[in-house]
Amino acid sequence: MYGRSGNPTWDAFEAALGALEGGVAVAFSSGLAAISTVLAGLAEGATVVVPGDAYAGTRRLVLEAGARGRLKVRTVDVADTDATVAACAGADLLWLESPTNPLMAIADLEPVIAGAHESACPVVVDNTFATPLLQRPLDAGADLVVHSVTKFLAGHSDVVLGAVVTRDEEERGRLAAHRTLHGAVPGPMEVFLALRGLRTLAVRLERSQATAGLLARRLAEHPAVEVVRYPGLTGHPGHDIAARQMKGFGGVLAFDVVGGAVAADAVCGAVGLIVPSTSLGGVETQIERRNRWEGEESTPASLLRLSVGLEHVEDLWSDLSQALNRTT
């Protein structure tokens, strides 16, 4: 058989990720390939419920399908449990993120998933930000879990990769068959590198989230910062839910700076150690003004997303604070 149908390198990675999430995994050539494969299983005209602040690629994919009549799209605030459950009535799929990207909203997974299932609506959770070390959505009742393996799982900013995890062997077969037929196959070297990344995930995540928590607290006290969006802060509206359903608050935060887009861009231009870039989850700390991208118009213009890496916390704070001080 062609390696496009399967190979031992894929098997090793899929076994490891499946064990971490408590299911069986299928690797894909990118996170969007994984997302589009899940959506491809829906019938023509199916209704999909998605977060209003989900990953831009997810929203653009479903909205483009909606514009063609392929899907019907309902947008919700997943932090509003009742509204999200109500939107699932008559829907064919609920797509969740928690925390969301980039507003860091928290969905109360168990009651939302249970409510969706009462309407016979399957649930997918994008677990890229939390990783299976901080939460396992399948344990909360989710039908599928999606990852951009590019981010924390691989962890070194050197691969593009995705994955879907399920506990349904029949669904796993459908996903793998679609991957083979449509060519959404990952390169064995990328999968090998992702497996390498998984082996250090625990220590990387422990360091990045400890630093993220400290930076979030310091940013909340800086005069150039209007609001900090990090579920580890007690003032975050989803803090209590996150503390209950997660084993940690993760290595990503967002904050809005005083002065709008101009000030936010100035901060990105003034940092030296921190890398201005659009990805996240790597060993380096990365910062970006999300509103600059097409499809992110609803994101506050002054919002900066910060993916915290493995540098020393005092070096990071020195870099951030000097950049912020230039704007005040």
Protein backbone atom coordinates (compact mmCIF):
# COMPACT_ATOMS: atom_id res chain seq x y z
CA MET A 1 0.00 0.00 0.00
CA TYR A 2 1.01 3.61 -0.46
CA GLY A 3 2.30 5.45 2.60
CA ARG A 4 -0.68 7.73 1.98
CA SER A 5 -2.86 5.03 3.55
CA GLY A 6 -0.80 4.63 6.69
CA ASN A 7 2.71 4.08 7.98
CA PRO A 8 4.47 3.17 11.26
CA THR A 9 5.44 6.80 11.99
CA TRP A 10 1.81 7.87 11.93
CA ASP A 11 0.88 4.87 14.05
CA ALA A 12 3.33 5.84 16.80
CA PHE A 13 2.14 9.45 16.99
CA GLU A 14 -1.55 8.56 16.79
CA ALA A 15 -1.17 6.00 19.56
CA ALA A 16 0.50 8.54 21.83
CA LEU A 17 -1.99 11.35 21.21
CA GLY A 18 -4.94 8.96 21.43
CA ALA A 19 -3.72 7.73 24.81
CA LEU A 20 -3.36 11.31 26.09
CA GLU A 21 -6.89 12.28 24.98
CA GLY A 22 -8.47 8.94 25.91
CA GLY A 23 -9.47 7.93 22.39
CA VAL A 24 -8.09 7.02 18.97
CA ALA A 25 -6.34 9.67 16.89
CA VAL A 26 -5.99 10.42 13.18
CA ALA A 27 -3.16 12.73 12.03
CA PHE A 28 -3.68 15.25 9.21
CA SER A 29 -1.48 17.52 7.14
CA SER A 30 -2.67 20.63 9.04
CA GLY A 31 -5.15 21.77 11.64
CA LEU A 32 -7.43 23.09 8.88
CA ALA A 33 -7.23 19.74 7.08
CA ALA A 34 -8.47 18.12 10.30
CA ILE A 35 -11.24 20.70 10.67
CA SER A 36 -12.38 20.42 7.06
CA THR A 37 -12.44 16.62 7.29
CA VAL A 38 -14.80 16.79 10.26
CA LEU A 39 -17.08 19.23 8.43
CA ALA A 40 -16.98 17.09 5.29
CA GLY A 41 -18.94 14.45 7.18
CA LEU A 42 -21.96 16.74 7.40
CA ALA A 43 -24.81 16.53 4.92
CA GLU A 44 -25.49 19.33 2.45
CA GLY A 45 -27.37 22.15 4.20
CA ALA A 46 -26.45 20.96 7.72
CA THR A 47 -26.53 23.49 10.54
CA VAL A 48 -23.33 24.18 12.47
CA VAL A 49 -23.09 26.17 15.70
CA VAL A 50 -19.72 27.91 16.12
CA PRO A 51 -18.18 30.35 18.62
CA GLY A 52 -18.19 33.97 17.51
CA ASP A 53 -14.53 34.23 18.46
CA ALA A 54 -13.31 30.82 17.31
CA TYR A 55 -10.04 30.32 15.47
CA ALA A 56 -10.20 32.46 12.33
CA GLY A 57 -9.59 29.49 10.04
CA THR A 58 -12.55 27.62 11.49
CA ARG A 59 -14.87 30.61 11.15
CA ARG A 60 -13.74 31.41 7.62
CA LEU A 61 -14.21 27.79 6.57
CA VAL A 62 -17.77 27.51 7.89
CA LEU A 63 -18.78 30.99 6.74
CA GLU A 64 -17.48 30.28 3.24
CA ALA A 65 -19.47 27.04 3.23
CA GLY A 66 -22.47 29.01 4.47
CA ALA A 67 -22.14 31.54 1.66
CA ARG A 68 -22.25 28.67 -0.86
CA GLY A 69 -25.28 27.09 0.81
CA ARG A 70 -23.21 24.07 1.81
CA LEU A 71 -23.81 24.76 5.53
CA LYS A 72 -26.07 26.88 7.69
CA VAL A 73 -24.13 28.70 10.40
CA ARG A 74 -25.25 29.86 13.84
CA THR A 75 -22.79 31.96 15.84
CA VAL A 76 -22.86 31.95 19.64
CA ASP A 77 -20.98 33.15 22.70
CA VAL A 78 -19.87 29.80 24.10
CA ALA A 79 -19.40 31.36 27.54
CA ASP A 80 -23.21 31.68 27.64
CA THR A 81 -24.26 28.11 28.41
CA ASP A 82 -28.01 28.59 27.99
CA ALA A 83 -27.69 30.44 24.69
CA THR A 84 -25.27 27.86 23.31
CA VAL A 85 -27.51 24.94 24.26
CA ALA A 86 -30.55 26.71 22.81
CA ALA A 87 -28.69 27.24 19.53
CA CYS A 88 -28.20 23.47 19.24
CA ALA A 89 -31.91 22.81 18.74
CA GLY A 90 -32.22 21.44 15.23
CA ALA A 91 -28.47 21.77 14.63
CA ASP A 92 -26.22 19.05 13.24
CA LEU A 93 -22.94 19.99 14.93
CA LEU A 94 -21.73 22.15 17.80
CA TRP A 95 -18.16 23.38 17.50
CA LEU A 96 -16.55 24.47 20.76
CA GLU A 97 -13.32 26.08 21.86
CA SER A 98 -12.35 26.59 25.48
CA PRO A 99 -10.43 28.80 25.95
CA THR A 100 -11.47 30.54 22.74
CA ASN A 101 -8.99 32.09 20.35
CA PRO A 102 -8.25 34.94 20.90
CA LEU A 103 -10.69 36.30 23.50
CA MET A 104 -9.95 33.51 26.00
CA ALA A 105 -13.62 32.85 26.83
CA ILE A 106 -14.42 29.67 28.77
CA ALA A 107 -17.21 27.26 27.85
CA ASP A 108 -18.69 25.13 30.64
CA LEU A 109 -18.07 21.92 28.75
CA GLU A 110 -20.11 19.28 30.58
CA PRO A 111 -23.49 21.08 30.68
CA VAL A 112 -23.03 22.51 27.18
CA ILE A 113 -22.18 19.12 25.71
CA ALA A 114 -24.99 17.41 27.62
CA GLY A 115 -27.45 20.05 26.44
CA ALA A 116 -26.33 19.66 22.84
CA HIS A 117 -26.72 15.89 23.05
CA GLU A 118 -30.28 16.32 24.31
CA SER A 119 -30.94 17.92 20.92
CA ALA A 120 -29.11 15.03 19.20
CA CYS A 121 -26.37 17.46 18.20
CA PRO A 122 -22.83 16.01 18.11
CA VAL A 123 -20.06 18.10 19.67
CA VAL A 124 -16.51 18.83 18.54
CA VAL A 125 -14.03 20.56 20.87
CA ASP A 126 -10.90 22.26 19.56
CA ASN A 127 -8.47 21.50 22.39
CA THR A 128 -5.43 23.22 20.89
CA PHE A 129 -4.97 25.81 23.65
CA ALA A 130 -5.53 23.52 26.64
CA THR A 131 -3.95 20.30 25.28
CA PRO A 132 -5.00 16.95 26.81
CA LEU A 133 -2.77 17.66 29.81
CA LEU A 134 -5.11 20.43 31.00
CA GLN A 135 -8.49 19.08 29.88
CA ARG A 136 -9.86 16.00 28.12
CA PRO A 137 -13.09 16.94 26.32
CA LEU A 138 -13.94 13.32 25.49
CA ASP A 139 -14.26 12.72 29.24
CA ALA A 140 -16.77 15.60 29.32
CA GLY A 141 -18.84 13.87 26.65
CA ALA A 142 -17.49 15.41 23.43
CA ASP A 143 -17.75 13.27 20.30
CA LEU A 144 -14.59 14.56 18.64
CA VAL A 145 -11.51 16.52 19.69
CA VAL A 146 -9.51 18.55 17.16
CA HIS A 147 -5.93 19.78 17.49
CA SER A 148 -3.67 22.07 15.57
CA VAL A 149 -0.65 19.90 16.34
CA THR A 150 1.43 22.74 14.90
CA LYS A 151 1.04 24.53 18.22
CA PHE A 152 1.68 23.18 21.74
CA LEU A 153 1.73 19.48 20.92
CA ALA A 154 4.65 19.71 18.49
CA GLY A 155 5.87 22.76 20.34
CA HIS A 156 8.88 23.94 18.34
CA SER A 157 7.40 26.05 15.53
CA ASP A 158 8.81 23.70 12.89
CA VAL A 159 5.84 21.64 11.65
CA VAL A 160 2.35 22.13 10.23
CA LEU A 161 0.10 19.31 11.39
CA GLY A 162 -3.39 18.52 12.67
CA ALA A 163 -5.27 15.70 14.36
CA VAL A 164 -8.74 14.48 15.28
CA VAL A 165 -9.43 12.19 18.24
CA THR A 166 -12.56 10.11 18.85
CA ARG A 167 -13.74 7.11 20.87
CA ASP A 168 -15.84 5.83 17.96
CA GLU A 169 -13.88 3.34 15.88
CA GLU A 170 -16.32 3.70 12.98
CA GLU A 171 -15.83 7.45 12.96
CA ARG A 172 -12.09 6.97 13.18
CA GLY A 173 -12.33 4.83 10.05
CA ARG A 174 -14.30 7.51 8.20
CA LEU A 175 -11.77 10.17 9.12
CA ALA A 176 -8.84 8.02 8.00
CA ALA A 177 -10.58 7.08 4.74
CA HIS A 178 -11.25 10.75 3.98
CA ARG A 179 -7.61 11.57 4.71
CA THR A 180 -6.46 8.91 2.24
CA LEU A 181 -8.92 9.74 -0.53
CA HIS A 182 -8.55 13.52 -0.33
CA GLY A 183 -4.81 13.55 0.22
CA ALA A 184 -4.77 15.39 3.56
CA VAL A 185 -1.79 13.29 4.56
CA PRO A 186 1.00 14.51 6.87
CA GLY A 187 4.64 13.99 6.03
CA PRO A 188 6.31 11.27 8.12
CA MET A 189 9.09 13.68 9.14
CA GLU A 190 6.56 16.21 10.46
CA VAL A 191 4.81 13.46 12.41
CA PHE A 192 8.14 12.27 13.81
CA LEU A 193 8.89 15.82 14.97
CA ALA A 194 5.45 16.08 16.57
CA LEU A 195 6.04 12.85 18.47
CA ARG A 196 9.32 14.31 19.66
CA GLY A 197 7.39 17.36 20.83
CA LEU A 198 4.85 15.28 22.74
CA ARG A 199 7.67 13.84 24.83
CA THR A 200 8.44 17.27 26.31
CA LEU A 201 4.88 18.64 26.38
CA ALA A 202 4.45 18.28 30.14
CA VAL A 203 7.57 20.21 31.11
CA ARG A 204 7.06 22.85 28.41
CA LEU A 205 3.47 23.46 29.39
CA GLU A 206 4.28 23.60 33.09
CA ARG A 207 6.89 26.30 32.47
CA SER A 208 4.87 28.35 29.97
CA GLN A 209 1.69 28.46 32.05
CA ALA A 210 3.56 29.35 35.24
CA THR A 211 5.16 32.26 33.39
CA ALA A 212 1.87 33.21 31.74
CA GLY A 213 0.16 33.48 35.11
CA LEU A 214 2.84 35.79 36.48
CA LEU A 215 2.87 37.96 33.36
CA ALA A 216 -0.93 38.20 33.42
CA ARG A 217 -0.88 39.49 36.99
CA ARG A 218 1.80 42.06 36.20
CA LEU A 219 0.09 43.18 33.00
CA ALA A 220 -3.15 43.72 34.93
CA GLU A 221 -1.33 46.35 37.03
CA HIS A 222 0.35 48.19 34.14
CA PRO A 223 -1.14 51.59 33.28
CA ALA A 224 -0.85 50.95 29.53
CA VAL A 225 -3.09 47.87 29.75
CA GLU A 226 -6.88 48.15 29.76
CA VAL A 227 -7.82 44.51 30.34
CA VAL A 228 -6.06 41.15 30.61
CA ARG A 229 -7.83 38.07 29.27
CA TYR A 230 -6.47 35.04 31.11
CA PRO A 231 -8.66 32.49 32.92
CA GLY A 232 -6.08 32.14 35.67
CA LEU A 233 -6.94 35.63 36.95
CA THR A 234 -9.69 35.61 39.57
CA GLY A 235 -11.35 38.55 37.81
CA HIS A 236 -11.77 36.62 34.56
CA PRO A 237 -15.49 35.83 34.02
CA GLY A 238 -14.69 32.18 33.32
CA HIS A 239 -12.17 31.70 36.12
CA ASP A 240 -14.32 29.51 38.36
CA ILE A 241 -15.36 27.23 35.48
CA ALA A 242 -11.79 26.95 34.22
CA ALA A 243 -10.53 26.16 37.71
CA ARG A 244 -13.09 23.37 37.96
CA GLN A 245 -12.70 21.75 34.56
CA MET A 246 -9.03 22.37 33.77
CA LYS A 247 -5.81 21.22 35.46
CA GLY A 248 -4.15 24.55 34.66
CA PHE A 249 -4.87 27.77 32.80
CA GLY A 250 -2.51 27.38 29.85
CA GLY A 251 0.28 29.31 28.23
CA VAL A 252 -1.74 31.80 26.14
CA LEU A 253 -3.20 35.11 27.27
CA ALA A 254 -4.48 38.24 25.60
CA PHE A 255 -4.48 41.85 26.71
CA ASP A 256 -5.88 45.11 25.36
CA VAL A 257 -3.60 48.14 25.44
CA VAL A 258 -4.54 51.78 25.91
CA GLY A 259 -4.38 53.69 22.65
CA GLY A 260 -6.00 51.29 20.19
CA ALA A 261 -4.42 49.67 17.16
CA VAL A 262 -1.62 52.21 16.85
CA ALA A 263 -0.41 51.58 20.39
CA ALA A 264 -0.78 47.82 20.01
CA ASP A 265 1.29 47.84 16.83
CA ALA A 266 3.88 49.99 18.59
CA VAL A 267 4.21 47.37 21.33
CA CYS A 268 4.78 44.64 18.73
CA GLY A 269 7.41 46.81 17.08
CA ALA A 270 9.19 47.62 20.34
CA VAL A 271 9.71 44.12 21.76
CA GLY A 272 13.12 42.57 21.26
CA LEU A 273 13.15 39.14 22.90
CA ILE A 274 9.50 38.39 22.15
CA VAL A 275 8.79 37.41 18.54
CA PRO A 276 6.02 39.24 16.62
CA SER A 277 4.42 36.34 14.73
CA THR A 278 1.06 34.78 14.00
CA SER A 279 1.55 31.31 15.43
CA LEU A 280 1.63 30.09 19.04
CA GLY A 281 2.64 27.23 21.27
CA GLY A 282 6.35 27.27 20.51
CA VAL A 283 9.34 27.46 22.82
CA GLU A 284 9.68 31.15 21.95
CA THR A 285 7.23 33.76 23.26
CA GLN A 286 5.13 35.18 20.42
CA ILE A 287 2.95 38.29 20.25
CA GLU A 288 0.43 39.47 17.68
CA ARG A 289 -2.32 42.03 17.15
CA ARG A 290 -5.06 39.72 15.91
CA ASN A 291 -7.37 42.40 14.48
CA ARG A 292 -4.93 43.06 11.65
CA TRP A 293 -6.05 39.88 9.87
CA GLU A 294 -9.01 39.50 7.51
CA GLY A 295 -11.86 37.84 9.38
CA GLU A 296 -10.77 39.22 12.76
CA GLU A 297 -12.68 42.49 12.49
CA SER A 298 -14.76 41.64 15.56
CA THR A 299 -11.63 41.27 17.69
CA PRO A 300 -10.78 44.48 19.60
CA ALA A 301 -8.27 46.50 17.58
CA SER A 302 -6.02 46.94 20.61
CA LEU A 303 -5.95 43.25 21.60
CA LEU A 304 -2.57 41.52 21.65
CA ARG A 305 -2.37 37.73 21.92
CA LEU A 306 0.66 36.48 23.81
CA SER A 307 1.81 32.87 23.54
CA VAL A 308 4.27 32.41 26.38
CA GLY A 309 7.35 30.33 25.69
CA LEU A 310 10.21 29.05 27.81
CA GLU A 311 12.36 32.16 28.33
CA HIS A 312 13.05 33.41 31.84
CA VAL A 313 10.06 35.27 33.19
CA GLU A 314 12.08 38.33 34.22
CA ASP A 315 13.58 38.64 30.73
CA LEU A 316 10.09 38.49 29.25
CA TRP A 317 8.70 41.04 31.68
CA SER A 318 11.61 43.39 31.06
CA ASP A 319 10.92 43.20 27.32
CA LEU A 320 7.14 43.61 27.66
CA SER A 321 7.27 46.42 30.20
CA GLN A 322 9.77 48.52 28.22
CA ALA A 323 7.60 48.12 25.11
CA LEU A 324 4.47 49.12 27.03
CA ASN A 325 6.22 52.04 28.71
CA ARG A 326 6.94 53.55 25.30
CA THR A 327 3.21 53.84 24.66
CA THR A 328 2.38 55.74 27.88
